[in-house]
Protein backbone atom coordinates (compact mmCIF):
# COMPACT_ATOMS: atom_id res chain seq x y z
CA UNK A 1 126.61 -22.05 73.89
CA UNK A 2 122.99 -23.28 74.25
CA UNK A 3 122.48 -26.96 74.97
CA UNK A 4 119.28 -28.94 74.30
CA UNK A 5 118.81 -31.82 76.70
CA UNK A 6 116.19 -34.50 76.02
CA UNK A 7 115.07 -36.16 79.21
CA UNK A 8 112.76 -39.13 79.81
CA UNK A 9 111.40 -39.67 83.31
CA UNK A 10 109.75 -43.01 84.06
CA UNK A 11 107.33 -43.05 86.99
CA UNK A 12 104.73 -45.42 88.44
CA UNK A 13 101.61 -45.38 86.27
CA UNK A 14 99.32 -44.87 89.27
CA UNK A 15 100.90 -41.48 90.04
CA UNK A 16 98.68 -38.47 89.52
CA UNK A 17 99.74 -36.14 86.72
CA UNK A 18 100.58 -33.40 89.24
CA UNK A 19 103.05 -35.63 91.11
CA UNK A 20 104.82 -36.67 87.89
CA UNK A 21 104.91 -33.08 86.69
CA UNK A 22 106.38 -31.92 90.02
CA UNK A 23 109.14 -34.53 89.83
CA UNK A 24 109.95 -33.49 86.26
CA UNK A 25 110.11 -29.82 87.26
CA UNK A 26 112.55 -30.64 90.08
CA UNK A 27 114.78 -32.60 87.70
CA UNK A 28 114.69 -29.85 85.08
CA UNK A 29 115.54 -27.21 87.69
CA UNK A 30 118.56 -29.22 88.87
CA UNK A 31 119.79 -29.61 85.29
CA UNK A 32 119.33 -25.90 84.55
CA UNK A 33 121.23 -24.98 87.73
CA UNK A 34 124.13 -27.19 86.66
CA UNK A 35 123.94 -26.08 83.01
CA UNK A 36 122.44 -22.56 82.96
CA UNK A 37 122.43 -22.29 79.17
CA UNK A 38 120.48 -25.51 78.74
CA UNK A 39 116.96 -26.08 77.51
CA UNK A 40 115.49 -29.27 78.93
CA UNK A 41 112.76 -31.22 77.16
CA UNK A 42 111.18 -33.79 79.47
CA UNK A 43 108.94 -36.67 78.46
CA UNK A 44 107.05 -38.50 81.21
CA UNK A 45 106.40 -42.25 80.82
CA UNK A 46 104.65 -44.90 82.96
CA UNK A 47 107.00 -47.68 84.05
CA UNK A 48 104.35 -50.36 83.48
CA UNK A 49 104.33 -49.75 79.72
CA UNK A 50 107.19 -51.58 77.93
CA UNK A 51 107.05 -48.99 75.15
CA UNK A 52 108.24 -46.43 77.73
CA UNK A 53 111.74 -47.88 77.58
CA UNK A 54 112.09 -47.51 73.81
CA UNK A 55 113.25 -43.89 74.09
CA UNK A 56 115.92 -44.83 76.60
CA UNK A 57 117.23 -47.67 74.43
CA UNK A 58 117.39 -45.30 71.46
CA UNK A 59 119.30 -42.69 73.49
CA UNK A 60 121.77 -45.32 74.74
CA UNK A 61 122.31 -46.53 71.18
CA UNK A 62 122.96 -42.98 69.92
CA UNK A 63 125.23 -42.12 72.87
CA UNK A 64 127.29 -45.28 72.46
CA UNK A 65 127.86 -44.49 68.77
CA UNK A 66 128.78 -40.86 69.47
CA UNK A 67 131.07 -41.71 72.42
CA UNK A 68 132.50 -45.18 71.71
CA UNK A 69 135.50 -44.82 74.04
CA UNK A 70 133.30 -43.86 76.98
CA UNK A 71 130.84 -46.64 76.18
CA UNK A 72 133.42 -49.39 75.67
CA UNK A 73 132.89 -52.19 78.17
CA UNK A 74 129.62 -50.82 79.58
CA UNK A 75 127.20 -52.80 77.43
């Protein structure tokens, strides 16, 4: 069964695009090795921008609603 995995990677803003891209490729490769049927969508964000953390907060909110027993006590 195919799995779509959204992924946000937050890196220092002063990194060159190539370095951030290389890190993302390594992460995606590790995920695909662990989950061969997965498709990974990675979004790269600079850590200095507060807006960068909005996606993560949204994912945590969705995950906690979908998996309330797992999430209980972690907030």
